[in-house]
């Protein structure tokens, strides 16, 4: 689609740093602290529920939990405490990623980007602090879900708004932005894991709240570097979409269930993977026992290791006219992630005298799987941003997040299989799902890629 003159005027001019608008670094810094808070809690949540919160004598303290559990089990059947924990985690992550569709719409149509980001950050901060108390556990999850939806549904689209539609730097910008996501994912489990081990779970959850508040401050101080965005006046109807724009919307919607196949496997790495590490990985290094949440930090460190050589490889391919298109990159990401998940499935073949797998095997998994993540996530996010109608950028990125919602729901249900399947079969199942998703993306790209390019 072609940008209008008004759209082009929203792109800040003459405010660049290292070849990109300064606003990119404001948004990336804000996202960094959001991810420190989010991944800090995420690394602890399943272990916290299994090892403490859902134990008799504690679970009764949670306000409204009896009714909540009855509702969950009415849908998914009877669940053991471990099965309930993985399902609650899956539902939480799913809802965190479905609400940006609503949050993006609110920013597009009613609140405007900046007010929406501020509101979302405040709700998330309150949610993290509510996690410090058993009684407010469900309230905390609700605040975090609503806050994340409003916050993320309006922060990510602002990256796209810093660039003209034809600007080729946009794809690199999403890679740089994603690197902040991963840096936050690296820092958070290290800090919260250490705090949880030394001072208790609730202290660690409190740190996550401080992180979110820091992100809000960075955003408010740097908002002058961002593209202006105003919602439509109350009561004014949005302009009708053209037939080409409606076609672009439906094509993007059709990609959501396929993208969910990647997120089924990725969500399990946030969820049951921690229990698998606890049960199967040798965490004793000399006299030091590595906290289980620290393994999650490798999901943040690995992309920093993989990103520079990957971008150099892409540049080398581009110089020779061989750089693959978006759909091929997305498929490659799925195939790499599937092969990496097979490392978990085969871990039982490499054990020490105690029957545990060396920790280096898990390190190898994180390095390789995050190379797949880098191929998949920033590329598909950029695809949704550039192929969406300009007036619905935030909404359509929220629609993309429905793939994470669906993947997390399925992943949470599949997590209960961990108690009944062998570890090798459990991970092989997930590897097959994500690899199948890659094959479908490749087929779509070969047949329909030009239609998405035309829409953009």
Protein backbone atom coordinates (compact mmCIF):
# COMPACT_ATOMS: atom_id res chain seq x y z
CA UNK A 1 0.00 0.00 0.00
CA UNK A 2 1.16 3.56 -0.59
CA UNK A 3 1.61 5.94 2.31
CA UNK A 4 -0.35 9.14 2.20
CA UNK A 5 1.31 12.50 2.67
CA UNK A 6 -0.12 12.69 6.15
CA UNK A 7 1.36 9.33 7.00
CA UNK A 8 4.79 10.38 5.76
CA UNK A 9 4.68 13.54 7.86
CA UNK A 10 4.49 11.41 11.02
CA UNK A 11 7.98 10.03 10.40
CA UNK A 12 10.53 12.09 12.41
CA UNK A 13 13.25 13.62 10.26
CA UNK A 14 16.81 14.55 11.21
CA UNK A 15 16.79 12.68 14.54
CA UNK A 16 19.05 9.75 13.84
CA UNK A 17 21.61 7.88 15.88
CA UNK A 18 23.78 5.14 14.34
CA UNK A 19 21.70 5.29 11.18
CA UNK A 20 18.28 4.96 12.82
CA UNK A 21 15.77 7.41 14.33
CA UNK A 22 16.46 8.18 17.98
CA UNK A 23 12.94 7.09 18.77
CA UNK A 24 13.94 3.50 18.01
CA UNK A 25 16.27 3.53 21.01
CA UNK A 26 13.58 5.02 23.25
CA UNK A 27 11.17 2.26 22.26
CA UNK A 28 13.86 -0.43 22.58
CA UNK A 29 14.84 0.84 26.04
CA UNK A 30 11.23 0.82 27.15
CA UNK A 31 10.77 -2.70 25.78
CA UNK A 32 13.96 -3.81 27.56
CA UNK A 33 12.51 -3.03 30.97
CA UNK A 34 9.12 -4.46 30.05
CA UNK A 35 10.86 -7.73 29.21
CA UNK A 36 12.99 -7.64 32.35
CA UNK A 37 9.78 -7.47 34.36
CA UNK A 38 7.86 -9.99 32.22
CA UNK A 39 10.56 -12.62 31.83
CA UNK A 40 11.64 -12.18 35.42
CA UNK A 41 8.22 -13.29 36.60
CA UNK A 42 7.78 -15.82 33.82
CA UNK A 43 10.99 -17.65 34.77
CA UNK A 44 9.66 -18.16 38.29
CA UNK A 45 5.95 -18.69 37.80
CA UNK A 46 5.61 -22.42 37.09
CA UNK A 47 8.21 -23.39 39.70
CA UNK A 48 6.58 -21.04 42.22
CA UNK A 49 3.14 -22.58 41.69
CA UNK A 50 4.40 -26.19 41.77
CA UNK A 51 6.83 -25.89 44.67
CA UNK A 52 5.00 -23.44 46.94
CA UNK A 53 1.78 -21.65 46.01
CA UNK A 54 -0.33 -24.68 45.06
CA UNK A 55 0.69 -26.68 48.13
CA UNK A 56 -1.96 -27.47 50.77
CA UNK A 57 -2.01 -24.69 53.34
CA UNK A 58 -1.02 -22.05 50.79
CA UNK A 59 -3.42 -22.47 47.90
CA UNK A 60 -6.39 -21.84 50.20
CA UNK A 61 -5.12 -18.27 50.76
CA UNK A 62 -5.68 -17.23 47.14
CA UNK A 63 -8.85 -15.17 46.88
CA UNK A 64 -11.30 -16.78 44.44
CA UNK A 65 -9.05 -19.70 43.56
CA UNK A 66 -11.54 -22.48 44.31
CA UNK A 67 -13.98 -21.11 41.73
CA UNK A 68 -11.17 -20.44 39.26
CA UNK A 69 -9.88 -24.00 39.55
CA UNK A 70 -13.37 -25.41 39.07
CA UNK A 71 -13.78 -23.38 35.89
CA UNK A 72 -10.41 -24.51 34.50
CA UNK A 73 -11.09 -28.16 35.27
CA UNK A 74 -14.57 -27.91 33.76
CA UNK A 75 -12.83 -27.19 30.45
CA UNK A 76 -9.65 -29.27 30.70
CA UNK A 77 -10.67 -32.05 33.09
CA UNK A 78 -9.19 -32.96 36.46
CA UNK A 79 -5.65 -31.67 36.89
CA UNK A 80 -2.92 -32.57 39.35
CA UNK A 81 -1.16 -29.64 41.06
CA UNK A 82 1.62 -29.85 38.44
CA UNK A 83 -0.88 -30.10 35.58
CA UNK A 84 -2.86 -27.20 37.01
CA UNK A 85 0.31 -25.09 37.27
CA UNK A 86 1.28 -25.69 33.64
CA UNK A 87 -2.29 -24.98 32.50
CA UNK A 88 -2.50 -21.75 34.52
CA UNK A 89 0.82 -20.70 33.04
CA UNK A 90 -0.40 -21.50 29.54
CA UNK A 91 -3.61 -19.53 30.06
CA UNK A 92 -1.69 -16.57 31.50
CA UNK A 93 0.78 -16.37 28.60
CA UNK A 94 -2.03 -16.93 26.11
CA UNK A 95 -4.03 -14.04 27.50
CA UNK A 96 -0.95 -11.79 27.64
CA UNK A 97 -0.62 -12.28 23.90
CA UNK A 98 -4.30 -12.09 22.94
CA UNK A 99 -5.07 -8.78 24.64
CA UNK A 100 -2.72 -6.71 22.38
CA UNK A 101 -5.36 -7.07 19.64
CA UNK A 102 -7.75 -5.10 21.86
CA UNK A 103 -4.96 -2.85 23.11
CA UNK A 104 -3.86 -2.01 19.57
CA UNK A 105 -7.44 -1.14 18.63
CA UNK A 106 -7.77 1.13 21.67
CA UNK A 107 -4.59 2.94 20.68
CA UNK A 108 -5.54 3.17 17.02
CA UNK A 109 -9.08 4.40 17.60
CA UNK A 110 -9.53 5.89 21.08
CA UNK A 111 -6.58 6.56 23.39
CA UNK A 112 -3.64 7.24 21.12
CA UNK A 113 -0.35 5.40 21.38
CA UNK A 114 1.24 7.33 24.24
CA UNK A 115 -1.65 7.33 26.68
CA UNK A 116 -2.22 3.64 25.97
CA UNK A 117 1.43 2.75 26.67
CA UNK A 118 1.40 4.71 29.94
CA UNK A 119 -1.86 3.10 31.09
CA UNK A 120 -0.62 -0.38 30.24
CA UNK A 121 2.67 0.15 32.09
CA UNK A 122 0.88 1.33 35.23
CA UNK A 123 -1.45 -1.69 35.21
CA UNK A 124 1.50 -4.05 34.80
CA UNK A 125 3.42 -2.38 37.61
CA UNK A 126 0.45 -2.83 39.93
CA UNK A 127 0.15 -6.47 38.84
CA UNK A 128 3.77 -7.27 39.63
CA UNK A 129 3.45 -5.78 43.09
CA UNK A 130 0.24 -7.78 43.71
CA UNK A 131 2.29 -10.93 43.01
CA UNK A 132 4.07 -10.26 46.30
CA UNK A 133 1.01 -11.56 48.18
CA UNK A 134 -0.65 -14.98 47.97
CA UNK A 135 -4.13 -13.52 48.39
CA UNK A 136 -3.91 -11.27 45.30
CA UNK A 137 -2.42 -13.89 42.93
CA UNK A 138 -5.41 -13.97 40.56
CA UNK A 139 -5.80 -10.18 40.67
CA UNK A 140 -2.10 -9.88 39.82
CA UNK A 141 -2.50 -12.09 36.76
CA UNK A 142 -5.53 -10.08 35.62
CA UNK A 143 -3.71 -6.75 35.92
CA UNK A 144 -0.67 -8.13 34.11
CA UNK A 145 -2.80 -9.51 31.28
CA UNK A 146 -4.72 -6.26 30.74
CA UNK A 147 -1.64 -4.09 31.14
CA UNK A 148 0.47 -6.14 28.73
CA UNK A 149 -2.25 -6.02 26.10
CA UNK A 150 -2.61 -2.26 26.18
CA UNK A 151 1.15 -1.69 26.50
CA UNK A 152 2.45 -4.04 23.81
CA UNK A 153 -0.39 -3.41 21.42
CA UNK A 154 0.80 0.20 21.18
CA UNK A 155 4.57 0.09 21.74
CA UNK A 156 5.59 -2.26 18.90
CA UNK A 157 3.62 -0.40 16.17
CA UNK A 158 5.57 2.77 16.97
CA UNK A 159 8.70 1.13 15.55
CA UNK A 160 7.05 0.92 12.15
CA UNK A 161 5.80 4.50 12.41
CA UNK A 162 9.39 5.81 12.62
CA UNK A 163 10.06 4.76 9.01
CA UNK A 164 8.55 5.49 5.62
CA UNK A 165 6.80 2.40 4.24
CA UNK A 166 9.47 1.83 1.58
CA UNK A 167 12.42 2.27 4.00
CA UNK A 168 14.47 -0.95 3.93
CA UNK A 169 15.89 -0.18 7.39
CA UNK A 170 12.59 -1.23 8.93
CA UNK A 171 13.51 -4.95 8.93
CA UNK A 172 16.85 -4.25 10.66
CA UNK A 173 15.02 -1.99 13.14
CA UNK A 174 12.85 -4.91 14.21
CA UNK A 175 15.97 -7.04 14.66
CA UNK A 176 17.52 -4.35 16.89
CA UNK A 177 14.25 -4.01 18.77
CA UNK A 178 14.09 -7.77 19.24
CA UNK A 179 17.62 -7.73 20.62
CA UNK A 180 16.36 -5.61 23.52
CA UNK A 181 13.62 -8.17 24.13
CA UNK A 182 16.26 -10.84 24.36
CA UNK A 183 18.63 -8.80 26.50
CA UNK A 184 15.80 -8.32 28.98
CA UNK A 185 15.10 -12.04 28.81
CA UNK A 186 18.77 -12.65 29.66
CA UNK A 187 18.96 -10.28 32.62
CA UNK A 188 15.62 -11.08 34.21
CA UNK A 189 15.97 -14.80 35.11
CA UNK A 190 19.48 -14.21 36.48
CA UNK A 191 18.33 -11.44 38.79
CA UNK A 192 14.97 -12.87 39.82
CA UNK A 193 16.43 -16.37 40.15
CA UNK A 194 19.10 -15.07 42.51
CA UNK A 195 16.59 -12.94 44.45
CA UNK A 196 14.15 -15.81 44.71
CA UNK A 197 16.85 -18.16 45.97
CA UNK A 198 18.30 -15.69 48.48
CA UNK A 199 15.32 -13.64 49.64
CA UNK A 200 12.19 -15.48 48.55
CA UNK A 201 9.76 -15.53 45.63
CA UNK A 202 7.82 -12.45 46.61
CA UNK A 203 10.92 -10.26 46.72
CA UNK A 204 11.77 -11.37 43.20
CA UNK A 205 8.27 -10.53 41.98
CA UNK A 206 8.64 -7.06 43.53
CA UNK A 207 11.79 -6.50 41.46
CA UNK A 208 9.75 -7.18 38.33
CA UNK A 209 7.41 -4.35 39.33
CA UNK A 210 10.33 -1.94 39.72
CA UNK A 211 11.52 -2.94 36.25
CA UNK A 212 8.18 -2.10 34.67
CA UNK A 213 8.08 1.27 36.40
CA UNK A 214 11.56 2.02 35.05
CA UNK A 215 10.39 1.26 31.53
CA UNK A 216 7.51 3.72 31.88
CA UNK A 217 9.89 6.47 33.01
CA UNK A 218 12.16 5.90 30.01
CA UNK A 219 9.19 6.11 27.65
CA UNK A 220 7.83 9.33 29.14
CA UNK A 221 11.25 11.02 29.08
CA UNK A 222 11.87 10.07 25.45
CA UNK A 223 8.43 10.48 23.91
CA UNK A 224 9.51 13.64 22.08
CA UNK A 225 11.60 11.43 19.79
CA UNK A 226 8.61 9.40 18.66
CA UNK A 227 6.28 9.84 15.72
CA UNK A 228 3.14 11.75 16.76
CA UNK A 229 -0.04 9.75 16.82
CA UNK A 230 -3.54 10.98 17.56
CA UNK A 231 -6.64 8.84 17.87
CA UNK A 232 -9.67 9.68 15.81
CA UNK A 233 -12.08 12.12 17.50
CA UNK A 234 -14.71 10.36 19.58
CA UNK A 235 -17.64 9.33 17.44
CA UNK A 236 -15.84 9.76 14.11
CA UNK A 237 -16.09 6.65 12.00
CA UNK A 238 -12.92 5.18 10.57
CA UNK A 239 -12.52 5.35 6.81
CA UNK A 240 -13.67 2.20 5.08
CA UNK A 241 -10.93 -0.16 3.96
CA UNK A 242 -10.31 -0.52 0.26
CA UNK A 243 -10.75 -3.98 -1.31
CA UNK A 244 -6.94 -4.33 -1.44
CA UNK A 245 -6.66 -3.47 2.26
CA UNK A 246 -9.41 -5.93 3.19
CA UNK A 247 -7.56 -8.61 1.24
CA UNK A 248 -4.34 -7.80 3.11
CA UNK A 249 -6.14 -8.14 6.44
CA UNK A 250 -7.59 -11.55 5.60
CA UNK A 251 -4.28 -12.85 4.27
CA UNK A 252 -2.57 -11.88 7.52
CA UNK A 253 -5.36 -13.43 9.59
CA UNK A 254 -4.86 -16.70 7.69
CA UNK A 255 -1.22 -16.81 8.85
CA UNK A 256 -2.17 -16.76 12.56
CA UNK A 257 -2.93 -20.51 13.06
CA UNK A 258 0.24 -21.45 11.17
CA UNK A 259 2.37 -19.12 13.31
CA UNK A 260 0.77 -20.70 16.40
CA UNK A 261 2.61 -23.93 15.57
CA UNK A 262 5.92 -22.20 16.30
CA UNK A 263 4.58 -20.78 19.55
CA UNK A 264 3.37 -24.16 20.80
CA UNK A 265 7.00 -25.25 21.05
CA UNK A 266 8.38 -21.88 22.17
CA UNK A 267 5.76 -21.52 24.93
CA UNK A 268 6.71 -24.93 26.30
CA UNK A 269 10.27 -23.65 26.77
CA UNK A 270 8.83 -21.02 29.10
CA UNK A 271 6.60 -23.53 30.86
CA UNK A 272 7.31 -27.24 31.34
CA UNK A 273 10.93 -26.85 30.28
CA UNK A 274 11.79 -25.58 33.77
CA UNK A 275 10.42 -28.78 35.28
CA UNK A 276 12.37 -30.82 32.72
CA UNK A 277 15.58 -28.98 33.61
CA UNK A 278 14.94 -29.62 37.29
CA UNK A 279 14.41 -33.34 36.63
CA UNK A 280 16.95 -34.14 33.90
CA UNK A 281 19.83 -31.63 33.79
CA UNK A 282 22.88 -31.83 36.03
CA UNK A 283 22.83 -28.38 37.61
CA UNK A 284 25.76 -28.94 39.96
CA UNK A 285 28.83 -27.10 38.66
CA UNK A 286 31.63 -27.73 41.13
CA UNK A 287 30.25 -26.67 44.50
CA UNK A 288 27.62 -24.35 42.97
CA UNK A 289 24.08 -25.38 42.09
CA UNK A 290 22.77 -23.40 39.14
CA UNK A 291 19.25 -22.04 39.89
CA UNK A 292 16.74 -23.47 37.44
CA UNK A 293 15.50 -20.00 36.30
CA UNK A 294 19.03 -19.14 35.18
CA UNK A 295 18.66 -21.50 32.24
CA UNK A 296 15.93 -19.20 30.93
CA UNK A 297 18.48 -16.38 30.83
CA UNK A 298 20.25 -18.20 28.00
CA UNK A 299 17.21 -17.44 25.84
CA UNK A 300 18.22 -13.79 26.14
CA UNK A 301 21.98 -14.19 25.81
CA UNK A 302 21.92 -16.54 22.83
CA UNK A 303 20.36 -14.07 20.34
CA UNK A 304 23.12 -11.56 21.14
CA UNK A 305 25.65 -14.20 20.20
CA UNK A 306 23.76 -15.27 17.07
CA UNK A 307 22.50 -11.89 15.80
CA UNK A 308 25.75 -10.27 14.48
CA UNK A 309 26.88 -13.25 12.37
CA UNK A 310 23.31 -13.80 11.15
CA UNK A 311 22.97 -10.17 9.99
CA UNK A 312 26.40 -10.42 8.32
CA UNK A 313 25.24 -13.59 6.57
CA UNK A 314 22.06 -11.89 5.39
CA UNK A 315 24.09 -8.92 4.14
CA UNK A 316 26.42 -11.29 2.29
CA UNK A 317 23.41 -12.99 0.72
CA UNK A 318 21.82 -9.63 -0.21
CA UNK A 319 25.02 -8.45 -1.91
CA UNK A 320 24.82 -11.50 -4.16
CA UNK A 321 21.08 -11.29 -4.71
CA UNK A 322 20.50 -14.46 -2.69
CA UNK A 323 18.87 -13.17 0.49
CA UNK A 324 15.69 -15.22 1.06
CA UNK A 325 12.31 -13.56 1.31
CA UNK A 326 10.29 -13.22 4.49
CA UNK A 327 8.43 -16.50 4.16
CA UNK A 328 11.60 -18.51 3.54
CA UNK A 329 13.27 -16.91 6.58
CA UNK A 330 10.21 -17.72 8.68
CA UNK A 331 10.26 -21.34 7.50
CA UNK A 332 14.00 -21.62 8.20
CA UNK A 333 13.34 -20.36 11.72
CA UNK A 334 10.75 -23.10 12.29
CA UNK A 335 13.06 -25.81 10.95
CA UNK A 336 15.97 -24.68 13.13
CA UNK A 337 13.73 -24.52 16.20
CA UNK A 338 12.33 -27.98 15.49
CA UNK A 339 15.82 -29.46 15.11
CA UNK A 340 16.86 -27.76 18.36
CA UNK A 341 13.88 -29.22 20.21
CA UNK A 342 15.03 -32.65 19.08
CA UNK A 343 18.15 -32.00 21.17
CA UNK A 344 15.88 -32.08 24.22
CA UNK A 345 14.26 -35.27 22.95
CA UNK A 346 17.67 -36.93 22.62
CA UNK A 347 19.09 -35.68 25.92
CA UNK A 348 18.46 -39.03 27.61
CA UNK A 349 21.08 -40.60 25.37
CA UNK A 350 23.81 -38.48 26.98
CA UNK A 351 23.85 -38.90 30.75
CA UNK A 352 26.40 -39.08 33.55
CA UNK A 353 26.66 -41.59 36.38
CA UNK A 354 23.72 -39.97 38.19
CA UNK A 355 21.47 -40.32 35.14
CA UNK A 356 21.46 -36.57 34.49
CA UNK A 357 22.33 -34.85 31.19
CA UNK A 358 25.29 -32.42 31.28
CA UNK A 359 24.28 -28.77 31.46
CA UNK A 360 26.17 -28.02 28.23
CA UNK A 361 23.49 -29.95 26.34
CA UNK A 362 20.89 -27.43 27.50
CA UNK A 363 23.24 -24.57 26.61
CA UNK A 364 23.54 -25.97 23.08
CA UNK A 365 19.75 -26.11 22.84
CA UNK A 366 19.38 -22.45 23.78
CA UNK A 367 22.03 -21.33 21.29
CA UNK A 368 20.51 -23.21 18.37
CA UNK A 369 16.82 -22.62 19.17
CA UNK A 370 17.36 -18.89 19.46
CA UNK A 371 18.94 -18.77 16.02
CA UNK A 372 15.58 -20.13 14.86
CA UNK A 373 13.82 -17.51 17.00
CA UNK A 374 15.79 -14.74 15.28
CA UNK A 375 14.82 -15.99 11.86
CA UNK A 376 11.16 -16.33 12.81
CA UNK A 377 9.97 -13.68 15.27
CA UNK A 378 11.37 -10.34 14.00
CA UNK A 379 10.69 -11.38 10.39
CA UNK A 380 7.03 -12.27 10.89
CA UNK A 381 6.46 -9.18 13.08
CA UNK A 382 7.91 -7.00 10.31
CA UNK A 383 5.75 -8.81 7.75
CA UNK A 384 2.56 -8.05 9.68
CA UNK A 385 3.60 -4.42 10.21
CA UNK A 386 4.40 -3.66 6.58
CA UNK A 387 1.54 -5.66 5.01
CA UNK A 388 -1.17 -4.24 7.30
CA UNK A 389 -3.30 -1.24 6.33
CA UNK A 390 -1.65 1.86 7.76
CA UNK A 391 -4.66 2.72 9.94
CA UNK A 392 -4.68 -0.78 11.46
CA UNK A 393 -0.99 -1.39 12.13
CA UNK A 394 -1.43 -1.74 15.89
CA UNK A 395 -4.55 -3.83 15.51
CA UNK A 396 -2.91 -6.25 13.07
CA UNK A 397 0.19 -6.69 15.20
CA UNK A 398 -2.25 -7.51 17.98
CA UNK A 399 -3.88 -10.01 15.63
CA UNK A 400 -0.47 -11.60 15.09
CA UNK A 401 -0.23 -12.02 18.85
CA UNK A 402 -3.27 -14.27 18.62
CA UNK A 403 -0.82 -16.89 17.32
CA UNK A 404 1.03 -16.73 20.64
CA UNK A 405 -2.33 -16.94 22.43
CA UNK A 406 -3.34 -20.06 20.52
CA UNK A 407 0.10 -21.62 20.84
CA UNK A 408 0.17 -21.00 24.59
CA UNK A 409 -3.29 -22.49 25.11
CA UNK A 410 -2.30 -25.67 23.26
CA UNK A 411 1.10 -25.69 24.93
CA UNK A 412 -0.46 -25.43 28.38
CA UNK A 413 -2.68 -28.42 27.64
CA UNK A 414 0.21 -30.40 26.17
CA UNK A 415 2.25 -29.57 29.27
CA UNK A 416 0.08 -31.96 31.27
CA UNK A 417 1.43 -34.76 29.04
CA UNK A 418 4.80 -34.30 30.73
CA UNK A 419 3.57 -36.48 33.59
CA UNK A 420 2.42 -39.33 31.33
CA UNK A 421 4.86 -39.33 28.37
CA UNK A 422 8.56 -40.01 28.30
CA UNK A 423 10.67 -36.85 28.06
CA UNK A 424 11.99 -37.89 24.64
CA UNK A 425 8.50 -38.43 23.21
CA UNK A 426 7.24 -35.21 24.81
CA UNK A 427 9.87 -33.04 23.11
CA UNK A 428 9.79 -34.97 19.83
CA UNK A 429 6.07 -34.17 19.61
CA UNK A 430 6.79 -30.45 19.95
CA UNK A 431 9.62 -30.64 17.41
CA UNK A 432 7.26 -32.19 14.88
CA UNK A 433 4.63 -29.49 15.38
CA UNK A 434 7.00 -26.58 14.78
CA UNK A 435 8.66 -28.27 11.80
CA UNK A 436 5.23 -28.84 10.22
CA UNK A 437 4.53 -25.14 10.67
CA UNK A 438 7.74 -24.36 8.80
CA UNK A 439 6.71 -26.58 5.90
CA UNK A 440 3.35 -24.78 5.65
CA UNK A 441 5.00 -21.35 5.72
CA UNK A 442 7.36 -22.43 2.95
CA UNK A 443 4.44 -23.61 0.83
CA UNK A 444 2.53 -20.35 1.41
CA UNK A 445 5.59 -18.31 0.50
CA UNK A 446 6.20 -20.18 -2.73
CA UNK A 447 2.59 -19.68 -3.82
CA UNK A 448 1.45 -16.35 -2.35
CA UNK A 449 4.48 -14.23 -1.31
CA UNK A 450 3.96 -11.73 -4.13
CA UNK A 451 0.44 -10.95 -2.91
CA UNK A 452 1.81 -9.94 0.52
CA UNK A 453 4.50 -7.82 -1.16
CA UNK A 454 1.88 -6.10 -3.28
CA UNK A 455 -0.13 -5.28 -0.17
CA UNK A 456 2.92 -3.72 1.47
